[in-house]
């Protein structure tokens, strides 16, 4: 499936590390389109791994990650 991954990481002392880590995770699975926007073609297991890694790297109370399925 073709996906668009978009994130917004709150910038703070710890946010800078989360931002770099989130970008690195996205680059493993997708191609950067803009600073915080990635596009990729992933199968179900790759999407599951991407989601698991992102959940571990962000602070849900301050950060946002959106994944859109493209036609």
PDB file of N, CA and C in Angstrom:
ATOM      1  N   UNK A   1       0.838  -1.171   0.000  1.00  0.00           N
ATOM      2  CA  UNK A   1       0.000   0.000   0.000  1.00  0.00           C
ATOM      3  C   UNK A   1       0.885   1.236   0.000  1.00  0.00           C
ATOM      4  N   UNK A   2       0.400   2.260  -0.691  1.00  0.00           N
ATOM      5  CA  UNK A   2       1.121   3.529  -0.768  1.00  0.00           C
ATOM      6  C   UNK A   2       0.685   4.416   0.388  1.00  0.00           C
ATOM      7  N   UNK A   3       1.656   4.953   1.111  1.00  0.00           N
ATOM      8  CA  UNK A   3       1.363   5.717   2.321  1.00  0.00           C
ATOM      9  C   UNK A   3       2.045   7.071   2.316  1.00  0.00           C
ATOM     10  N   UNK A   4       1.460   7.984   3.046  1.00  0.00           N
ATOM     11  CA  UNK A   4       2.053   9.273   3.329  1.00  0.00           C
ATOM     12  C   UNK A   4       2.160   9.370   4.845  1.00  0.00           C
ATOM     13  N   UNK A   5       3.366   9.588   5.361  1.00  0.00           N
ATOM     14  CA  UNK A   5       3.607   9.696   6.799  1.00  0.00           C
ATOM     15  C   UNK A   5       3.970  11.149   7.097  1.00  0.00           C
ATOM     16  N   UNK A   6       3.226  11.749   8.013  1.00  0.00           N
ATOM     17  CA  UNK A   6       3.427  13.148   8.381  1.00  0.00           C
ATOM     18  C   UNK A   6       3.549  13.227   9.894  1.00  0.00           C
ATOM     19  N   UNK A   7       4.528  13.978  10.389  1.00  0.00           N
ATOM     20  CA  UNK A   7       4.667  14.101  11.839  1.00  0.00           C
ATOM     21  C   UNK A   7       4.937  15.528  12.255  1.00  0.00           C
ATOM     22  N   UNK A   8       4.589  15.819  13.513  1.00  0.00           N
ATOM     23  CA  UNK A   8       4.861  17.102  14.142  1.00  0.00           C
ATOM     24  C   UNK A   8       5.375  16.785  15.546  1.00  0.00           C
ATOM     25  N   UNK A   9       6.630  17.061  15.783  1.00  0.00           N
ATOM     26  CA  UNK A   9       7.269  16.774  17.059  1.00  0.00           C
ATOM     27  C   UNK A   9       7.489  18.088  17.801  1.00  0.00           C
ATOM     28  N   UNK A  10       7.032  18.153  19.040  1.00  0.00           N
ATOM     29  CA  UNK A  10       7.210  19.351  19.862  1.00  0.00           C
ATOM     30  C   UNK A  10       8.698  19.569  20.122  1.00  0.00           C
ATOM     31  N   UNK A  11       9.159  20.776  19.855  1.00  0.00           N
ATOM     32  CA  UNK A  11      10.574  21.083  20.043  1.00  0.00           C
ATOM     33  C   UNK A  11      10.809  21.529  21.486  1.00  0.00           C
ATOM     34  N   UNK A  12      11.633  20.753  22.160  1.00  0.00           N
ATOM     35  CA  UNK A  12      12.061  21.036  23.527  1.00  0.00           C
ATOM     36  C   UNK A  12      13.431  20.377  23.659  1.00  0.00           C
ATOM     37  N   UNK A  13      13.957  20.341  24.852  1.00  0.00           N
ATOM     38  CA  UNK A  13      15.256  19.696  25.044  1.00  0.00           C
ATOM     39  C   UNK A  13      15.205  18.234  24.606  1.00  0.00           C
ATOM     40  N   UNK A  14      14.189  17.520  25.050  1.00  0.00           N
ATOM     41  CA  UNK A  14      14.060  16.113  24.662  1.00  0.00           C
ATOM     42  C   UNK A  14      13.414  15.972  23.282  1.00  0.00           C
ATOM     43  N   UNK A  15      12.673  16.991  22.839  1.00  0.00           N
ATOM     44  CA  UNK A  15      12.007  16.943  21.548  1.00  0.00           C
ATOM     45  C   UNK A  15      12.962  16.886  20.380  1.00  0.00           C
ATOM     46  N   UNK A  16      14.117  17.515  20.517  1.00  0.00           N
ATOM     47  CA  UNK A  16      15.110  17.494  19.447  1.00  0.00           C
ATOM     48  C   UNK A  16      15.575  16.066  19.180  1.00  0.00           C
ATOM     49  N   UNK A  17      15.783  15.299  20.225  1.00  0.00           N
ATOM     50  CA  UNK A  17      16.186  13.897  20.059  1.00  0.00           C
ATOM     51  C   UNK A  17      15.053  13.082  19.448  1.00  0.00           C
ATOM     52  N   UNK A  18      13.821  13.331  19.892  1.00  0.00           N
ATOM     53  CA  UNK A  18      12.671  12.612  19.341  1.00  0.00           C
ATOM     54  C   UNK A  18      12.486  12.940  17.868  1.00  0.00           C
ATOM     55  N   UNK A  19      12.717  14.190  17.505  1.00  0.00           N
ATOM     56  CA  UNK A  19      12.588  14.616  16.117  1.00  0.00           C
ATOM     57  C   UNK A  19      13.581  13.863  15.228  1.00  0.00           C
ATOM     58  N   UNK A  20      14.830  13.805  15.652  1.00  0.00           N
ATOM     59  CA  UNK A  20      15.857  13.102  14.876  1.00  0.00           C
ATOM     60  C   UNK A  20      15.546  11.611  14.790  1.00  0.00           C
ATOM     61  N   UNK A  21      15.110  11.028  15.898  1.00  0.00           N
ATOM     62  CA  UNK A  21      14.805   9.596  15.923  1.00  0.00           C
ATOM     63  C   UNK A  21      13.610   9.277  15.031  1.00  0.00           C
ATOM     64  N   UNK A  22      12.590  10.121  15.074  1.00  0.00           N
ATOM     65  CA  UNK A  22      11.406   9.915  14.249  1.00  0.00           C
ATOM     66  C   UNK A  22      11.754   9.993  12.766  1.00  0.00           C
ATOM     67  N   UNK A  23      12.560  10.970  12.392  1.00  0.00           N
ATOM     68  CA  UNK A  23      12.979  11.097  10.992  1.00  0.00           C
ATOM     69  C   UNK A  23      13.771   9.873  10.550  1.00  0.00           C
ATOM     70  N   UNK A  24      14.661   9.391  11.398  1.00  0.00           N
ATOM     71  CA  UNK A  24      15.474   8.221  11.063  1.00  0.00           C
ATOM     72  C   UNK A  24      14.601   6.977  10.860  1.00  0.00           C
ATOM     73  N   UNK A  25      13.597   6.809  11.707  1.00  0.00           N
ATOM     74  CA  UNK A  25      12.680   5.677  11.570  1.00  0.00           C
ATOM     75  C   UNK A  25      11.938   5.775  10.242  1.00  0.00           C
ATOM     76  N   UNK A  26      11.409   6.951   9.934  1.00  0.00           N
ATOM     77  CA  UNK A  26      10.658   7.131   8.691  1.00  0.00           C
ATOM     78  C   UNK A  26      11.543   6.883   7.463  1.00  0.00           C
ATOM     79  N   UNK A  27      12.793   7.306   7.535  1.00  0.00           N
ATOM     80  CA  UNK A  27      13.717   7.102   6.413  1.00  0.00           C
ATOM     81  C   UNK A  27      14.021   5.627   6.162  1.00  0.00           C
ATOM     82  N   UNK A  28      13.878   4.781   7.181  1.00  0.00           N
ATOM     83  CA  UNK A  28      14.083   3.339   7.005  1.00  0.00           C
ATOM     84  C   UNK A  28      13.034   2.730   6.087  1.00  0.00           C
ATOM     85  N   UNK A  29      11.835   3.296   6.117  1.00  0.00           N
ATOM     86  CA  UNK A  29      10.701   2.701   5.412  1.00  0.00           C
ATOM     87  C   UNK A  29      10.213   3.513   4.211  1.00  0.00           C
ATOM     88  N   UNK A  30      10.504   4.809   4.190  1.00  0.00           N
ATOM     89  CA  UNK A  30       9.913   5.705   3.196  1.00  0.00           C
ATOM     90  C   UNK A  30      10.950   6.677   2.637  1.00  0.00           C
ATOM     91  N   UNK A  31      10.513   7.458   1.673  1.00  0.00           N
ATOM     92  CA  UNK A  31      11.345   8.490   1.059  1.00  0.00           C
ATOM     93  C   UNK A  31      10.855   9.853   1.521  1.00  0.00           C
ATOM     94  N   UNK A  32      11.808  10.704   1.908  1.00  0.00           N
ATOM     95  CA  UNK A  32      11.436  12.050   2.380  1.00  0.00           C
ATOM     96  C   UNK A  32      10.937  12.881   1.196  1.00  0.00           C
ATOM     97  N   UNK A  33       9.774  13.518   1.403  1.00  0.00           N
ATOM     98  CA  UNK A  33       9.178  14.390   0.401  1.00  0.00           C
ATOM     99  C   UNK A  33       9.379  15.851   0.810  1.00  0.00           C
ATOM    100  N   UNK A  34       9.203  16.127   2.098  1.00  0.00           N
ATOM    101  CA  UNK A  34       9.466  17.428   2.701  1.00  0.00           C
ATOM    102  C   UNK A  34      10.052  17.165   4.081  1.00  0.00           C
ATOM    103  N   UNK A  35      10.319  18.216   4.850  1.00  0.00           N
ATOM    104  CA  UNK A  35      10.990  18.031   6.144  1.00  0.00           C
ATOM    105  C   UNK A  35      10.344  16.973   7.026  1.00  0.00           C
ATOM    106  N   UNK A  36       9.054  17.020   7.208  1.00  0.00           N
ATOM    107  CA  UNK A  36       8.395  16.057   8.091  1.00  0.00           C
ATOM    108  C   UNK A  36       7.320  15.253   7.359  1.00  0.00           C
ATOM    109  N   UNK A  37       7.537  15.051   6.067  1.00  0.00           N
ATOM    110  CA  UNK A  37       6.595  14.312   5.226  1.00  0.00           C
ATOM    111  C   UNK A  37       7.365  13.233   4.461  1.00  0.00           C
ATOM    112  N   UNK A  38       6.864  11.999   4.554  1.00  0.00           N
ATOM    113  CA  UNK A  38       7.502  10.862   3.896  1.00  0.00           C
ATOM    114  C   UNK A  38       6.472  10.090   3.102  1.00  0.00           C
ATOM    115  N   UNK A  39       6.908   9.516   1.968  1.00  0.00           N
ATOM    116  CA  UNK A  39       6.035   8.711   1.132  1.00  0.00           C
ATOM    117  C   UNK A  39       6.689   7.356   0.919  1.00  0.00           C
ATOM    118  N   UNK A  40       5.876   6.307   0.929  1.00  0.00           N
ATOM    119  CA  UNK A  40       6.449   4.981   0.727  1.00  0.00           C
ATOM    120  C   UNK A  40       5.410   3.953   0.340  1.00  0.00           C
ATOM    121  N   UNK A  41       5.902   2.827  -0.153  1.00  0.00           N
ATOM    122  CA  UNK A  41       5.064   1.674  -0.472  1.00  0.00           C
ATOM    123  C   UNK A  41       5.458   0.582   0.507  1.00  0.00           C
ATOM    124  N   UNK A  42       4.547   0.226   1.409  1.00  0.00           N
ATOM    125  CA  UNK A  42       4.828  -0.747   2.460  1.00  0.00           C
ATOM    126  C   UNK A  42       3.802  -1.865   2.427  1.00  0.00           C
ATOM    127  N   UNK A  43       4.237  -3.050   2.802  1.00  0.00           N
ATOM    128  CA  UNK A  43       3.270  -4.138   2.974  1.00  0.00           C
ATOM    129  C   UNK A  43       2.802  -4.105   4.433  1.00  0.00           C
ATOM    130  N   UNK A  44       1.901  -5.000   4.774  1.00  0.00           N
ATOM    131  CA  UNK A  44       1.308  -4.990   6.111  1.00  0.00           C
ATOM    132  C   UNK A  44       2.303  -5.140   7.236  1.00  0.00           C
ATOM    133  N   UNK A  45       3.277  -6.033   7.076  1.00  0.00           N
ATOM    134  CA  UNK A  45       4.252  -6.251   8.151  1.00  0.00           C
ATOM    135  C   UNK A  45       5.196  -5.056   8.298  1.00  0.00           C
ATOM    136  N   UNK A  46       5.554  -4.415   7.195  1.00  0.00           N
ATOM    137  CA  UNK A  46       6.403  -3.220   7.277  1.00  0.00           C
ATOM    138  C   UNK A  46       5.659  -2.082   7.972  1.00  0.00           C
ATOM    139  N   UNK A  47       4.379  -1.940   7.654  1.00  0.00           N
ATOM    140  CA  UNK A  47       3.572  -0.901   8.299  1.00  0.00           C
ATOM    141  C   UNK A  47       3.481  -1.156   9.801  1.00  0.00           C
ATOM    142  N   UNK A  48       3.298  -2.396  10.192  1.00  0.00           N
ATOM    143  CA  UNK A  48       3.242  -2.743  11.611  1.00  0.00           C
ATOM    144  C   UNK A  48       4.545  -2.400  12.310  1.00  0.00           C
ATOM    145  N   UNK A  49       5.675  -2.724  11.699  1.00  0.00           N
ATOM    146  CA  UNK A  49       6.985  -2.393  12.298  1.00  0.00           C
ATOM    147  C   UNK A  49       7.177  -0.882  12.393  1.00  0.00           C
ATOM    148  N   UNK A  50       6.787  -0.156  11.329  1.00  0.00           N
ATOM    149  CA  UNK A  50       6.896   1.301  11.344  1.00  0.00           C
ATOM    150  C   UNK A  50       6.080   1.880  12.494  1.00  0.00           C
ATOM    151  N   UNK A  51       4.845   1.444  12.628  1.00  0.00           N
ATOM    152  CA  UNK A  51       3.985   1.946  13.702  1.00  0.00           C
ATOM    153  C   UNK A  51       4.550   1.626  15.082  1.00  0.00           C
ATOM    154  N   UNK A  52       5.055   0.407  15.264  1.00  0.00           N
ATOM    155  CA  UNK A  52       5.637   0.028  16.551  1.00  0.00           C
ATOM    156  C   UNK A  52       6.829   0.912  16.902  1.00  0.00           C
ATOM    157  N   UNK A  53       7.700   1.149  15.931  1.00  0.00           N
ATOM    158  CA  UNK A  53       8.883   1.982  16.185  1.00  0.00           C
ATOM    159  C   UNK A  53       8.488   3.423  16.479  1.00  0.00           C
ATOM    160  N   UNK A  54       7.522   3.943  15.718  1.00  0.00           N
ATOM    161  CA  UNK A  54       7.097   5.322  15.948  1.00  0.00           C
ATOM    162  C   UNK A  54       6.442   5.492  17.314  1.00  0.00           C
ATOM    163  N   UNK A  55       5.632   4.527  17.723  1.00  0.00           N
ATOM    164  CA  UNK A  55       4.973   4.607  19.037  1.00  0.00           C
ATOM    165  C   UNK A  55       5.985   4.673  20.168  1.00  0.00           C
ATOM    166  N   UNK A  56       7.110   3.998  20.004  1.00  0.00           N
ATOM    167  CA  UNK A  56       8.150   3.992  21.034  1.00  0.00           C
ATOM    168  C   UNK A  56       8.963   5.287  21.032  1.00  0.00           C
ATOM    169  N   UNK A  57       8.987   6.002  19.915  1.00  0.00           N
ATOM    170  CA  UNK A  57       9.881   7.155  19.806  1.00  0.00           C
ATOM    171  C   UNK A  57       9.219   8.490  20.120  1.00  0.00           C
ATOM    172  N   UNK A  58       7.887   8.553  20.079  1.00  0.00           N
ATOM    173  CA  UNK A  58       7.228   9.849  20.281  1.00  0.00           C
ATOM    174  C   UNK A  58       6.645   9.977  21.689  1.00  0.00           C
ATOM    175  N   UNK A  59       6.346  11.200  22.062  1.00  0.00           N
ATOM    176  CA  UNK A  59       5.641  11.504  23.299  1.00  0.00           C
ATOM    177  C   UNK A  59       4.199  11.831  22.904  1.00  0.00           C
ATOM    178  N   UNK A  60       3.280  10.922  23.142  1.00  0.00           N
ATOM    179  CA  UNK A  60       1.895  11.067  22.672  1.00  0.00           C
ATOM    180  C   UNK A  60       1.204  12.316  23.196  1.00  0.00           C
ATOM    181  N   UNK A  61       1.657  12.842  24.315  1.00  0.00           N
ATOM    182  CA  UNK A  61       1.008  14.032  24.871  1.00  0.00           C
ATOM    183  C   UNK A  61       1.452  15.326  24.172  1.00  0.00           C
ATOM    184  N   UNK A  62       2.566  15.272  23.414  1.00  0.00           N
ATOM    185  CA  UNK A  62       3.074  16.476  22.752  1.00  0.00           C
ATOM    186  C   UNK A  62       3.264  16.333  21.252  1.00  0.00           C
ATOM    187  N   UNK A  63       3.425  15.125  20.758  1.00  0.00           N
ATOM    188  CA  UNK A  63       3.773  14.884  19.357  1.00  0.00           C
ATOM    189  C   UNK A  63       2.594  14.293  18.589  1.00  0.00           C
ATOM    190  N   UNK A  64       2.674  14.391  17.279  1.00  0.00           N
ATOM    191  CA  UNK A  64       1.614  13.871  16.425  1.00  0.00           C
ATOM    192  C   UNK A  64       2.227  13.178  15.210  1.00  0.00           C
ATOM    193  N   UNK A  65       1.707  12.001  14.887  1.00  0.00           N
ATOM    194  CA  UNK A  65       2.099  11.285  13.676  1.00  0.00           C
ATOM    195  C   UNK A  65       0.816  10.873  12.969  1.00  0.00           C
ATOM    196  N   UNK A  66       0.737  11.174  11.693  1.00  0.00           N
ATOM    197  CA  UNK A  66      -0.424  10.806  10.875  1.00  0.00           C
ATOM    198  C   UNK A  66       0.061   9.975   9.701  1.00  0.00           C
ATOM    199  N   UNK A  67      -0.686   8.914   9.393  1.00  0.00           N
ATOM    200  CA  UNK A  67      -0.365   8.072   8.251  1.00  0.00           C
ATOM    201  C   UNK A  67      -1.613   7.998   7.371  1.00  0.00           C
ATOM    202  N   UNK A  68      -1.451   8.400   6.120  1.00  0.00           N
ATOM    203  CA  UNK A  68      -2.560   8.411   5.172  1.00  0.00           C
ATOM    204  C   UNK A  68      -2.309   7.378   4.077  1.00  0.00           C
ATOM    205  N   UNK A  69      -3.341   6.615   3.737  1.00  0.00           N
ATOM    206  CA  UNK A  69      -3.271   5.674   2.621  1.00  0.00           C
ATOM    207  C   UNK A  69      -3.566   6.444   1.355  1.00  0.00           C
ATOM    208  N   UNK A  70      -2.699   6.295   0.355  1.00  0.00           N
ATOM    209  CA  UNK A  70      -2.889   6.976  -0.919  1.00  0.00           C
ATOM    210  C   UNK A  70      -3.450   6.006  -1.943  1.00  0.00           C
ATOM    211  N   UNK A  71      -4.247   6.511  -2.835  1.00  0.00           N
ATOM    212  CA  UNK A  71      -4.847   5.664  -3.885  1.00  0.00           C
ATOM    213  C   UNK A  71      -3.843   5.372  -4.979  1.00  0.00           C
TER     214      UNK A  71
END
